[in-house]
C-alpha atoms as a PDB file:
ATOM      1  CA  UNK A   1      70.032  33.621 -29.530  1.00  0.00           C
ATOM      2  CA  UNK A   2      72.907  32.403 -31.978  1.00  0.00           C
ATOM      3  CA  UNK A   3      75.097  31.196 -28.928  1.00  0.00           C
ATOM      4  CA  UNK A   4      72.296  29.064 -27.556  1.00  0.00           C
ATOM      5  CA  UNK A   5      71.379  27.172 -30.840  1.00  0.00           C
ATOM      6  CA  UNK A   6      75.268  26.783 -31.483  1.00  0.00           C
ATOM      7  CA  UNK A   7      75.723  25.434 -28.075  1.00  0.00           C
ATOM      8  CA  UNK A   8      72.857  22.957 -28.498  1.00  0.00           C
ATOM      9  CA  UNK A   9      74.204  21.725 -31.882  1.00  0.00           C
ATOM     10  CA  UNK A  10      77.589  21.211 -30.646  1.00  0.00           C
ATOM     11  CA  UNK A  11      76.496  19.401 -27.415  1.00  0.00           C
ATOM     12  CA  UNK A  12      74.116  16.972 -29.394  1.00  0.00           C
ATOM     13  CA  UNK A  13      76.893  16.190 -31.959  1.00  0.00           C
ATOM     14  CA  UNK A  14      79.565  15.767 -29.602  1.00  0.00           C
ATOM     15  CA  UNK A  15      77.928  13.505 -27.093  1.00  0.00           C
ATOM     16  CA  UNK A  16      75.987  11.520 -29.716  1.00  0.00           C
ATOM     17  CA  UNK A  17      72.663  12.606 -28.583  1.00  0.00           C
ATOM     18  CA  UNK A  18      71.017  13.521 -32.057  1.00  0.00           C
ATOM     19  CA  UNK A  19      68.725  10.557 -32.005  1.00  0.00           C
ATOM     20  CA  UNK A  20      68.237  10.332 -28.224  1.00  0.00           C
ATOM     21  CA  UNK A  21      67.255  13.590 -27.172  1.00  0.00           C
ATOM     22  CA  UNK A  22      63.530  14.666 -27.212  1.00  0.00           C
ATOM     23  CA  UNK A  23      63.575  18.618 -27.966  1.00  0.00           C
ATOM     24  CA  UNK A  24      60.753  20.492 -26.537  1.00  0.00           C
ATOM     25  CA  UNK A  25      59.051  23.562 -28.111  1.00  0.00           C
ATOM     26  CA  UNK A  26      57.391  26.559 -26.080  1.00  0.00           C
ATOM     27  CA  UNK A  27      54.652  26.177 -28.845  1.00  0.00           C
ATOM     28  CA  UNK A  28      53.989  22.381 -29.208  1.00  0.00           C
ATOM     29  CA  UNK A  29      52.630  20.574 -26.199  1.00  0.00           C
ATOM     30  CA  UNK A  30      54.700  17.993 -24.384  1.00  0.00           C
ATOM     31  CA  UNK A  31      52.175  16.023 -22.827  1.00  0.00           C
ATOM     32  CA  UNK A  32      48.524  15.283 -22.606  1.00  0.00           C
ATOM     33  CA  UNK A  33      48.154  17.307 -19.383  1.00  0.00           C
ATOM     34  CA  UNK A  34      50.123  19.503 -17.276  1.00  0.00           C
ATOM     35  CA  UNK A  35      51.486  18.262 -13.977  1.00  0.00           C
ATOM     36  CA  UNK A  36      54.195  19.218 -11.185  1.00  0.00           C
ATOM     37  CA  UNK A  37      55.453  17.401  -8.332  1.00  0.00           C
ATOM     38  CA  UNK A  38      55.781  20.168  -5.934  1.00  0.00           C
ATOM     39  CA  UNK A  39      58.293  21.770  -8.125  1.00  0.00           C
ATOM     40  CA  UNK A  40      56.571  25.153  -8.042  1.00  0.00           C
ATOM     41  CA  UNK A  41      57.919  27.384  -5.186  1.00  0.00           C
ATOM     42  CA  UNK A  42      55.652  30.586  -6.456  1.00  0.00           C
ATOM     43  CA  UNK A  43      52.904  31.119  -8.966  1.00  0.00           C
ATOM     44  CA  UNK A  44      51.155  34.547  -9.511  1.00  0.00           C
ATOM     45  CA  UNK A  45      49.699  36.656 -12.567  1.00  0.00           C
ATOM     46  CA  UNK A  46      53.310  38.005 -13.299  1.00  0.00           C
ATOM     47  CA  UNK A  47      55.666  34.919 -12.798  1.00  0.00           C
ATOM     48  CA  UNK A  48      56.199  31.356 -11.974  1.00  0.00           C
ATOM     49  CA  UNK A  49      59.349  30.191  -9.509  1.00  0.00           C
ATOM     50  CA  UNK A  50      60.537  26.627 -10.211  1.00  0.00           C
ATOM     51  CA  UNK A  51      62.496  25.662  -6.924  1.00  0.00           C
ATOM     52  CA  UNK A  52      65.641  23.653  -6.923  1.00  0.00           C
ATOM     53  CA  UNK A  53      66.785  20.707  -4.858  1.00  0.00           C
ATOM     54  CA  UNK A  54      69.319  22.855  -3.242  1.00  0.00           C
ATOM     55  CA  UNK A  55      66.839  24.648  -1.196  1.00  0.00           C
ATOM     56  CA  UNK A  56      65.345  21.760   0.369  1.00  0.00           C
ATOM     57  CA  UNK A  57      67.762  21.754   3.097  1.00  0.00           C
ATOM     58  CA  UNK A  58      67.744  25.344   4.016  1.00  0.00           C
ATOM     59  CA  UNK A  59      66.950  26.099   7.635  1.00  0.00           C
ATOM     60  CA  UNK A  60      67.968  22.579   8.418  1.00  0.00           C
ATOM     61  CA  UNK A  61      70.599  23.108  11.088  1.00  0.00           C
ATOM     62  CA  UNK A  62      68.329  25.874  12.658  1.00  0.00           C
ATOM     63  CA  UNK A  63      65.350  23.447  12.748  1.00  0.00           C
ATOM     64  CA  UNK A  64      67.704  20.680  14.674  1.00  0.00           C
ATOM     65  CA  UNK A  65      69.113  23.156  17.059  1.00  0.00           C
ATOM     66  CA  UNK A  66      65.289  24.545  17.995  1.00  0.00           C
ATOM     67  CA  UNK A  67      64.054  20.870  18.052  1.00  0.00           C
ATOM     68  CA  UNK A  68      66.873  20.060  20.744  1.00  0.00           C
ATOM     69  CA  UNK A  69      66.407  23.271  22.589  1.00  0.00           C
ATOM     70  CA  UNK A  70      62.560  22.840  22.790  1.00  0.00           C
ATOM     71  CA  UNK A  71      62.738  19.463  24.397  1.00  0.00           C
ATOM     72  CA  UNK A  72      65.675  20.295  26.670  1.00  0.00           C
ATOM     73  CA  UNK A  73      63.457  23.229  27.833  1.00  0.00           C
ATOM     74  CA  UNK A  74      60.610  20.682  28.797  1.00  0.00           C
ATOM     75  CA  UNK A  75      62.755  18.831  30.264  1.00  0.00           C
ATOM     76  CA  UNK A  76      64.237  21.431  32.481  1.00  0.00           C
ATOM     77  CA  UNK A  77      60.752  22.377  33.826  1.00  0.00           C
ATOM     78  CA  UNK A  78      61.263  19.212  35.876  1.00  0.00           C
ATOM     79  CA  UNK A  79      64.014  20.757  37.914  1.00  0.00           C
ATOM     80  CA  UNK A  80      61.828  23.712  38.726  1.00  0.00           C
ATOM     81  CA  UNK A  81      60.362  21.291  41.580  1.00  0.00           C
ATOM     82  CA  UNK A  82      63.375  21.999  43.395  1.00  0.00           C
ATOM     83  CA  UNK A  83      63.647  25.348  45.225  1.00  0.00           C
ATOM     84  CA  UNK A  84      66.226  27.879  43.902  1.00  0.00           C
ATOM     85  CA  UNK A  85      66.270  26.509  40.149  1.00  0.00           C
ATOM     86  CA  UNK A  86      64.309  29.226  38.557  1.00  0.00           C
ATOM     87  CA  UNK A  87      67.597  31.186  37.765  1.00  0.00           C
ATOM     88  CA  UNK A  88      69.423  28.267  36.332  1.00  0.00           C
ATOM     89  CA  UNK A  89      66.417  27.348  34.306  1.00  0.00           C
ATOM     90  CA  UNK A  90      66.198  30.965  32.951  1.00  0.00           C
ATOM     91  CA  UNK A  91      69.957  30.798  32.002  1.00  0.00           C
ATOM     92  CA  UNK A  92      69.343  27.661  30.268  1.00  0.00           C
ATOM     93  CA  UNK A  93      66.692  28.953  28.237  1.00  0.00           C
ATOM     94  CA  UNK A  94      68.670  32.042  27.466  1.00  0.00           C
ATOM     95  CA  UNK A  95      71.513  30.267  26.336  1.00  0.00           C
ATOM     96  CA  UNK A  96      69.471  28.122  24.002  1.00  0.00           C
ATOM     97  CA  UNK A  97      67.453  30.884  22.388  1.00  0.00           C
ATOM     98  CA  UNK A  98      70.886  32.619  21.922  1.00  0.00           C
ATOM     99  CA  UNK A  99      72.572  29.712  19.806  1.00  0.00           C
ATOM    100  CA  UNK A 100      69.094  29.111  17.941  1.00  0.00           C
ATOM    101  CA  UNK A 101      68.815  32.891  17.053  1.00  0.00           C
ATOM    102  CA  UNK A 102      72.614  32.898  16.154  1.00  0.00           C
ATOM    103  CA  UNK A 103      72.438  30.220  13.547  1.00  0.00           C
ATOM    104  CA  UNK A 104      69.159  31.296  12.246  1.00  0.00           C
ATOM    105  CA  UNK A 105      70.624  34.808  11.524  1.00  0.00           C
ATOM    106  CA  UNK A 106      73.588  32.728   9.832  1.00  0.00           C
ATOM    107  CA  UNK A 107      71.247  30.716   7.650  1.00  0.00           C
ATOM    108  CA  UNK A 108      69.044  33.699   6.612  1.00  0.00           C
ATOM    109  CA  UNK A 109      71.871  35.883   5.833  1.00  0.00           C
ATOM    110  CA  UNK A 110      73.829  33.219   3.565  1.00  0.00           C
ATOM    111  CA  UNK A 111      72.719  33.257  -0.085  1.00  0.00           C
ATOM    112  CA  UNK A 112      69.774  31.445  -0.756  1.00  0.00           C
ATOM    113  CA  UNK A 113      69.604  29.081  -3.906  1.00  0.00           C
ATOM    114  CA  UNK A 114      67.692  31.075  -6.397  1.00  0.00           C
ATOM    115  CA  UNK A 115      64.687  29.380  -8.291  1.00  0.00           C
ATOM    116  CA  UNK A 116      64.357  29.471 -12.460  1.00  0.00           C
ATOM    117  CA  UNK A 117      61.972  32.315 -12.982  1.00  0.00           C
ATOM    118  CA  UNK A 118      59.197  32.446 -16.043  1.00  0.00           C
ATOM    119  CA  UNK A 119      58.132  35.886 -16.290  1.00  0.00           C
ATOM    120  CA  UNK A 120      54.593  36.007 -18.322  1.00  0.00           C
ATOM    121  CA  UNK A 121      54.638  39.867 -18.780  1.00  0.00           C
ATOM    122  CA  UNK A 122      58.214  39.858 -20.515  1.00  0.00           C
ATOM    123  CA  UNK A 123      57.943  36.408 -21.958  1.00  0.00           C
ATOM    124  CA  UNK A 124      61.631  35.594 -20.383  1.00  0.00           C
ATOM    125  CA  UNK A 125      63.170  33.069 -18.415  1.00  0.00           C
ATOM    126  CA  UNK A 126      65.559  34.197 -15.599  1.00  0.00           C
ATOM    127  CA  UNK A 127      68.023  32.266 -13.364  1.00  0.00           C
ATOM    128  CA  UNK A 128      70.696  33.887 -10.966  1.00  0.00           C
ATOM    129  CA  UNK A 129      74.015  32.167  -9.814  1.00  0.00           C
ATOM    130  CA  UNK A 130      75.273  34.740  -7.108  1.00  0.00           C
ATOM    131  CA  UNK A 131      76.248  37.684  -9.137  1.00  0.00           C
ATOM    132  CA  UNK A 132      75.828  35.931 -12.487  1.00  0.00           C
ATOM    133  CA  UNK A 133      72.390  36.706 -14.289  1.00  0.00           C
ATOM    134  CA  UNK A 134      71.259  34.155 -16.959  1.00  0.00           C
ATOM    135  CA  UNK A 135      68.051  34.584 -19.275  1.00  0.00           C
ATOM    136  CA  UNK A 136      66.752  33.563 -22.470  1.00  0.00           C
ATOM    137  CA  UNK A 137      63.327  34.590 -24.259  1.00  0.00           C
ATOM    138  CA  UNK A 138      60.661  31.866 -24.090  1.00  0.00           C
ATOM    139  CA  UNK A 139      59.456  32.131 -27.549  1.00  0.00           C
ATOM    140  CA  UNK A 140      63.092  31.220 -28.615  1.00  0.00           C
ATOM    141  CA  UNK A 141      63.756  28.928 -25.513  1.00  0.00           C
ATOM    142  CA  UNK A 142      65.851  25.450 -26.207  1.00  0.00           C
ATOM    143  CA  UNK A 143      64.958  22.670 -23.975  1.00  0.00           C
ATOM    144  CA  UNK A 144      65.221  18.940 -24.136  1.00  0.00           C
ATOM    145  CA  UNK A 145      64.712  15.759 -22.376  1.00  0.00           C
ATOM    146  CA  UNK A 146      67.039  12.758 -22.169  1.00  0.00           C
ATOM    147  CA  UNK A 147      66.375   9.376 -20.214  1.00  0.00           C
ATOM    148  CA  UNK A 148      69.554   7.672 -19.012  1.00  0.00           C
ATOM    149  CA  UNK A 149      70.089   4.425 -17.412  1.00  0.00           C
ATOM    150  CA  UNK A 150      72.967   4.245 -14.726  1.00  0.00           C
ATOM    151  CA  UNK A 151      74.467   0.830 -13.371  1.00  0.00           C
ATOM    152  CA  UNK A 152      76.544   0.545 -10.140  1.00  0.00           C
ATOM    153  CA  UNK A 153      77.436  -2.235  -7.743  1.00  0.00           C
ATOM    154  CA  UNK A 154      75.712  -0.258  -4.957  1.00  0.00           C
ATOM    155  CA  UNK A 155      71.923   0.534  -6.379  1.00  0.00           C
ATOM    156  CA  UNK A 156      71.856  -1.299  -9.558  1.00  0.00           C
ATOM    157  CA  UNK A 157      70.081  -0.078 -12.567  1.00  0.00           C
ATOM    158  CA  UNK A 158      68.888   3.814 -11.994  1.00  0.00           C
ATOM    159  CA  UNK A 159      66.864   5.415 -14.413  1.00  0.00           C
ATOM    160  CA  UNK A 160      66.519   8.924 -14.872  1.00  0.00           C
ATOM    161  CA  UNK A 161      65.227  11.602 -17.086  1.00  0.00           C
ATOM    162  CA  UNK A 162      66.953  14.923 -17.569  1.00  0.00           C
ATOM    163  CA  UNK A 163      64.818  18.028 -18.373  1.00  0.00           C
ATOM    164  CA  UNK A 164      67.154  20.954 -19.291  1.00  0.00           C
ATOM    165  CA  UNK A 165      66.870  24.678 -20.657  1.00  0.00           C
ATOM    166  CA  UNK A 166      69.833  26.510 -22.061  1.00  0.00           C
ATOM    167  CA  UNK A 167      70.246  30.290 -20.920  1.00  0.00           C
ATOM    168  CA  UNK A 168      72.981  32.715 -21.684  1.00  0.00           C
ATOM    169  CA  UNK A 169      74.664  35.180 -19.281  1.00  0.00           C
ATOM    170  CA  UNK A 170      73.223  38.738 -19.304  1.00  0.00           C
ATOM    171  CA  UNK A 171      75.419  40.947 -21.612  1.00  0.00           C
ATOM    172  CA  UNK A 172      77.799  37.950 -22.022  1.00  0.00           C
ATOM    173  CA  UNK A 173      75.831  36.066 -24.881  1.00  0.00           C
ATOM    174  CA  UNK A 174      78.737  33.555 -25.692  1.00  0.00           C
ATOM    175  CA  UNK A 175      78.362  32.194 -22.037  1.00  0.00           C
ATOM    176  CA  UNK A 176      75.843  29.643 -22.048  1.00  0.00           C
ATOM    177  CA  UNK A 177      74.620  27.188 -19.458  1.00  0.00           C
ATOM    178  CA  UNK A 178      72.466  24.167 -19.477  1.00  0.00           C
ATOM    179  CA  UNK A 179      70.248  24.320 -16.573  1.00  0.00           C
ATOM    180  CA  UNK A 180      68.302  21.464 -14.975  1.00  0.00           C
ATOM    181  CA  UNK A 181      64.595  22.344 -14.428  1.00  0.00           C
ATOM    182  CA  UNK A 182      63.804  19.382 -11.998  1.00  0.00           C
ATOM    183  CA  UNK A 183      65.304  16.546 -10.178  1.00  0.00           C
ATOM    184  CA  UNK A 184      66.021  13.733 -12.614  1.00  0.00           C
ATOM    185  CA  UNK A 185      66.161  10.874 -10.044  1.00  0.00           C
ATOM    186  CA  UNK A 186      62.858   8.713 -10.291  1.00  0.00           C
ATOM    187  CA  UNK A 187      61.563  10.764 -13.037  1.00  0.00           C
ATOM    188  CA  UNK A 188      60.132   9.206 -16.302  1.00  0.00           C
ATOM    189  CA  UNK A 189      60.009  11.092 -19.758  1.00  0.00           C
ATOM    190  CA  UNK A 190      56.091  11.297 -19.121  1.00  0.00           C
ATOM    191  CA  UNK A 191      56.430  13.162 -15.657  1.00  0.00           C
ATOM    192  CA  UNK A 192      59.199  15.424 -17.223  1.00  0.00           C
ATOM    193  CA  UNK A 193      57.063  16.036 -20.085  1.00  0.00           C
ATOM    194  CA  UNK A 194      54.193  16.776 -18.037  1.00  0.00           C
ATOM    195  CA  UNK A 195      56.323  19.412 -16.020  1.00  0.00           C
ATOM    196  CA  UNK A 196      57.198  21.136 -19.318  1.00  0.00           C
ATOM    197  CA  UNK A 197      53.569  21.211 -20.298  1.00  0.00           C
ATOM    198  CA  UNK A 198      52.722  22.944 -16.809  1.00  0.00           C
ATOM    199  CA  UNK A 199      55.351  25.469 -17.750  1.00  0.00           C
ATOM    200  CA  UNK A 200      53.961  25.807 -21.262  1.00  0.00           C
ATOM    201  CA  UNK A 201      50.534  26.251 -20.038  1.00  0.00           C
ATOM    202  CA  UNK A 202      51.531  28.991 -17.453  1.00  0.00           C
ATOM    203  CA  UNK A 203      53.499  30.929 -20.162  1.00  0.00           C
ATOM    204  CA  UNK A 204      50.919  30.384 -23.034  1.00  0.00           C
ATOM    205  CA  UNK A 205      47.316  30.149 -21.639  1.00  0.00           C
ATOM    206  CA  UNK A 206      47.522  32.299 -18.647  1.00  0.00           C
ATOM    207  CA  UNK A 207      48.645  32.178 -14.862  1.00  0.00           C
ATOM    208  CA  UNK A 208      45.549  29.696 -13.797  1.00  0.00           C
ATOM    209  CA  UNK A 209      44.332  26.546 -15.450  1.00  0.00           C
ATOM    210  CA  UNK A 210      43.043  23.358 -14.205  1.00  0.00           C
ATOM    211  CA  UNK A 211      44.620  19.685 -14.298  1.00  0.00           C
ATOM    212  CA  UNK A 212      43.607  19.466 -18.103  1.00  0.00           C
ATOM    213  CA  UNK A 213      45.612  22.883 -19.032  1.00  0.00           C
ATOM    214  CA  UNK A 214      41.933  24.610 -19.380  1.00  0.00           C
ATOM    215  CA  UNK A 215      42.538  28.236 -18.407  1.00  0.00           C
ATOM    216  CA  UNK A 216      40.604  29.045 -15.284  1.00  0.00           C
ATOM    217  CA  UNK A 217      39.088  32.504 -14.413  1.00  0.00           C
ATOM    218  CA  UNK A 218      39.821  32.466 -10.752  1.00  0.00           C
ATOM    219  CA  UNK A 219      43.112  32.098  -8.998  1.00  0.00           C
ATOM    220  CA  UNK A 220      44.193  28.452  -7.543  1.00  0.00           C
ATOM    221  CA  UNK A 221      47.280  29.784  -6.214  1.00  0.00           C
ATOM    222  CA  UNK A 222      46.743  28.101  -2.821  1.00  0.00           C
ATOM    223  CA  UNK A 223      46.197  24.774  -4.052  1.00  0.00           C
ATOM    224  CA  UNK A 224      49.129  24.771  -6.579  1.00  0.00           C
ATOM    225  CA  UNK A 225      51.376  25.873  -3.474  1.00  0.00           C
ATOM    226  CA  UNK A 226      50.107  23.237  -1.185  1.00  0.00           C
ATOM    227  CA  UNK A 227      52.304  20.817  -3.276  1.00  0.00           C
ATOM    228  CA  UNK A 228      55.473  22.527  -2.521  1.00  0.00           C
ATOM    229  CA  UNK A 229      58.278  20.111  -2.301  1.00  0.00           C
ATOM    230  CA  UNK A 230      60.105  22.038   0.493  1.00  0.00           C
ATOM    231  CA  UNK A 231      57.157  22.132   2.909  1.00  0.00           C
ATOM    232  CA  UNK A 232      57.692  19.956   5.788  1.00  0.00           C
ATOM    233  CA  UNK A 233      55.545  21.089   8.780  1.00  0.00           C
ATOM    234  CA  UNK A 234      52.203  20.049   6.931  1.00  0.00           C
ATOM    235  CA  UNK A 235      50.373  17.772   9.108  1.00  0.00           C
ATOM    236  CA  UNK A 236      47.258  18.287   7.080  1.00  0.00           C
ATOM    237  CA  UNK A 237      49.151  17.215   3.964  1.00  0.00           C
ATOM    238  CA  UNK A 238      50.969  14.180   5.834  1.00  0.00           C
ATOM    239  CA  UNK A 239      47.603  12.919   7.005  1.00  0.00           C
ATOM    240  CA  UNK A 240      45.886  12.995   3.831  1.00  0.00           C
ATOM    241  CA  UNK A 241      48.577  11.331   1.918  1.00  0.00           C
ATOM    242  CA  UNK A 242      48.779   8.281   4.387  1.00  0.00           C
ATOM    243  CA  UNK A 243      44.938   8.021   4.562  1.00  0.00           C
ATOM    244  CA  UNK A 244      45.080   7.773   0.785  1.00  0.00           C
ATOM    245  CA  UNK A 245      47.554   4.988   1.102  1.00  0.00           C
ATOM    246  CA  UNK A 246      45.562   3.373   3.711  1.00  0.00           C
ATOM    247  CA  UNK A 247      42.450   3.282   1.424  1.00  0.00           C
ATOM    248  CA  UNK A 248      44.908   1.644  -1.460  1.00  0.00           C
ATOM    249  CA  UNK A 249      46.031  -0.847   0.938  1.00  0.00           C
ATOM    250  CA  UNK A 250      49.544   0.373   0.342  1.00  0.00           C
ATOM    251  CA  UNK A 251      49.995   0.978   4.021  1.00  0.00           C
ATOM    252  CA  UNK A 252      48.749  -0.636   7.462  1.00  0.00           C
ATOM    253  CA  UNK A 253      47.315   1.224  10.231  1.00  0.00           C
ATOM    254  CA  UNK A 254      50.323   0.463  12.365  1.00  0.00           C
ATOM    255  CA  UNK A 255      52.696   1.726   9.779  1.00  0.00           C
ATOM    256  CA  UNK A 256      50.703   4.942   9.663  1.00  0.00           C
ATOM    257  CA  UNK A 257      50.550   5.571  13.141  1.00  0.00           C
ATOM    258  CA  UNK A 258      54.267   5.213  13.593  1.00  0.00           C
ATOM    259  CA  UNK A 259      55.008   7.328  10.807  1.00  0.00           C
ATOM    260  CA  UNK A 260      52.628  10.145  12.064  1.00  0.00           C
ATOM    261  CA  UNK A 261      54.085   9.807  15.739  1.00  0.00           C
ATOM    262  CA  UNK A 262      57.402  10.424  14.541  1.00  0.00           C
ATOM    263  CA  UNK A 263      56.447  13.396  12.644  1.00  0.00           C
ATOM    264  CA  UNK A 264      54.713  14.945  15.397  1.00  0.00           C
ATOM    265  CA  UNK A 265      57.858  14.058  17.686  1.00  0.00           C
ATOM    266  CA  UNK A 266      60.074  16.098  14.864  1.00  0.00           C
ATOM    267  CA  UNK A 267      57.416  18.885  14.427  1.00  0.00           C
ATOM    268  CA  UNK A 268      59.113  21.676  16.121  1.00  0.00           C
ATOM    269  CA  UNK A 269      62.067  20.915  13.833  1.00  0.00           C
ATOM    270  CA  UNK A 270      59.914  21.056  10.626  1.00  0.00           C
ATOM    271  CA  UNK A 271      58.104  24.219  11.763  1.00  0.00           C
ATOM    272  CA  UNK A 272      61.206  26.207  12.682  1.00  0.00           C
ATOM    273  CA  UNK A 273      62.932  25.026   9.507  1.00  0.00           C
ATOM    274  CA  UNK A 274      59.916  26.193   7.182  1.00  0.00           C
ATOM    275  CA  UNK A 275      59.835  29.474   8.762  1.00  0.00           C
ATOM    276  CA  UNK A 276      63.635  29.970   8.307  1.00  0.00           C
ATOM    277  CA  UNK A 277      63.524  28.906   4.760  1.00  0.00           C
ATOM    278  CA  UNK A 278      60.572  31.521   4.108  1.00  0.00           C
ATOM    279  CA  UNK A 279      62.318  34.360   5.862  1.00  0.00           C
ATOM    280  CA  UNK A 280      65.653  33.337   3.718  1.00  0.00           C
ATOM    281  CA  UNK A 281      63.646  33.303   0.582  1.00  0.00           C
ATOM    282  CA  UNK A 282      61.777  36.661   1.338  1.00  0.00           C
ATOM    283  CA  UNK A 283      65.241  38.312   1.734  1.00  0.00           C
ATOM    284  CA  UNK A 284      66.535  36.849  -1.500  1.00  0.00           C
ATOM    285  CA  UNK A 285      63.714  37.994  -3.384  1.00  0.00           C
ATOM    286  CA  UNK A 286      64.431  41.452  -2.207  1.00  0.00           C
ATOM    287  CA  UNK A 287      68.141  41.496  -2.235  1.00  0.00           C
ATOM    288  CA  UNK A 288      69.747  38.740  -4.329  1.00  0.00           C
ATOM    289  CA  UNK A 289      67.673  39.005  -7.874  1.00  0.00           C
ATOM    290  CA  UNK A 290      69.389  41.635  -9.945  1.00  0.00           C
ATOM    291  CA  UNK A 291      67.596  45.150 -10.002  1.00  0.00           C
ATOM    292  CA  UNK A 292      66.426  44.750 -13.751  1.00  0.00           C
ATOM    293  CA  UNK A 293      64.831  41.249 -12.769  1.00  0.00           C
ATOM    294  CA  UNK A 294      62.974  42.954  -9.886  1.00  0.00           C
ATOM    295  CA  UNK A 295      61.596  45.689 -11.573  1.00  0.00           C
ATOM    296  CA  UNK A 296      60.403  43.266 -14.766  1.00  0.00           C
ATOM    297  CA  UNK A 297      58.566  41.108 -11.932  1.00  0.00           C
ATOM    298  CA  UNK A 298      56.465  44.106 -10.629  1.00  0.00           C
ATOM    299  CA  UNK A 299      52.782  44.158 -12.065  1.00  0.00           C
ATOM    300  CA  UNK A 300      53.547  47.571 -13.241  1.00  0.00           C
ATOM    301  CA  UNK A 301      57.283  47.185 -14.178  1.00  0.00           C
ATOM    302  CA  UNK A 302      58.641  47.439 -17.653  1.00  0.00           C
ATOM    303  CA  UNK A 303      58.174  44.917 -20.420  1.00  0.00           C
ATOM    304  CA  UNK A 304      61.150  44.895 -22.411  1.00  0.00           C
ATOM    305  CA  UNK A 305      63.301  41.895 -22.359  1.00  0.00           C
ATOM    306  CA  UNK A 306      66.598  41.631 -20.987  1.00  0.00           C
ATOM    307  CA  UNK A 307      67.317  40.326 -24.802  1.00  0.00           C
ATOM    308  CA  UNK A 308      66.078  43.733 -26.114  1.00  0.00           C
ATOM    309  CA  UNK A 309      68.495  45.809 -23.694  1.00  0.00           C
ATOM    310  CA  UNK A 310      71.331  43.376 -25.390  1.00  0.00           C
ATOM    311  CA  UNK A 311      69.927  44.151 -28.865  1.00  0.00           C
ATOM    312  CA  UNK A 312      69.926  47.599 -27.903  1.00  0.00           C
ATOM    313  CA  UNK A 313      73.635  47.381 -26.938  1.00  0.00           C
ATOM    314  CA  UNK A 314      74.711  45.536 -30.169  1.00  0.00           C
ATOM    315  CA  UNK A 315      75.357  42.505 -28.426  1.00  0.00           C
ATOM    316  CA  UNK A 316      73.478  40.260 -30.990  1.00  0.00           C
ATOM    317  CA  UNK A 317      74.779  41.592 -34.242  1.00  0.00           C
ATOM    318  CA  UNK A 318      73.398  37.946 -36.060  1.00  0.00           C
ATOM    319  CA  UNK A 319      69.911  39.429 -35.007  1.00  0.00           C
ATOM    320  CA  UNK A 320      70.402  42.792 -36.385  1.00  0.00           C
ATOM    321  CA  UNK A 321      71.670  41.481 -39.721  1.00  0.00           C
ATOM    322  CA  UNK A 322      68.799  38.885 -40.120  1.00  0.00           C
ATOM    323  CA  UNK A 323      66.460  41.716 -39.251  1.00  0.00           C
ATOM    324  CA  UNK A 324      67.883  44.134 -42.114  1.00  0.00           C
ATOM    325  CA  UNK A 325      67.837  41.337 -44.532  1.00  0.00           C
ATOM    326  CA  UNK A 326      64.363  40.817 -43.850  1.00  0.00           C
ATOM    327  CA  UNK A 327      63.595  44.557 -44.203  1.00  0.00           C
ATOM    328  CA  UNK A 328      65.430  44.575 -47.326  1.00  0.00           C
END
């Protein structure tokens, strides 16, 4: 991990961040309790996927077209009152279905924005950008937070907190990237610290834990995934959120009624978009991840790290030198 440590040291010095960066450690708590604002895309006994903001719009075009086709089909029912319009109506339905299906296939077949994957079995972090695979051993991970303040004439002062992790390219350890783990806008150091603590609890304490980081014997996966940021067709969650705001006095009954009515109007759009995203995600899981990552994410897969494979290939001479000096 010499390249990562050197990269971080150079970045801190050049950017003048030595006193402003809060360095995070996999072994040391970053907050009093773990928390995540719907960033977790998948969580199970083997791995946790942290979704990126790029996957939020996946399926959007298919959803909009399906929404328009749905209401056009409903309006077309009025024409069936006239004799001889059934054939025209069926042609309309067929055309609309064909257009939606083609766009659906295009969106599903296009590359899906890959998540950041934390593997508990191998204790390693993975990220894949098209055909470039990046990784870092969890125990040697270098991550940091930095709060910035941006001022423009359009938005005024905007605060955001960066939460980044360094990874190196597989079999090319000299190529290092700084990966953004969570959207920085609207985030405070406390919130980003709680997200890092969530990841730390997952890797260090076990796959399931409560709001205070206490390990649980039973899975709470469904509760965790209910918070997914990309899930849009969630009437129950929307209703619960607005009822909570109504009880707190931050919303009015008329405001809640209007928002729920709009959500119901666009529900076909949200439903199809969620479905398209789910199909594209399943396809990406099987086809986009590197074969070495896929086999290590099986419950019975190998426990060797990608870093171990690089060590065996002699790609980290500094680690071999350190090991030999220690042994000597």
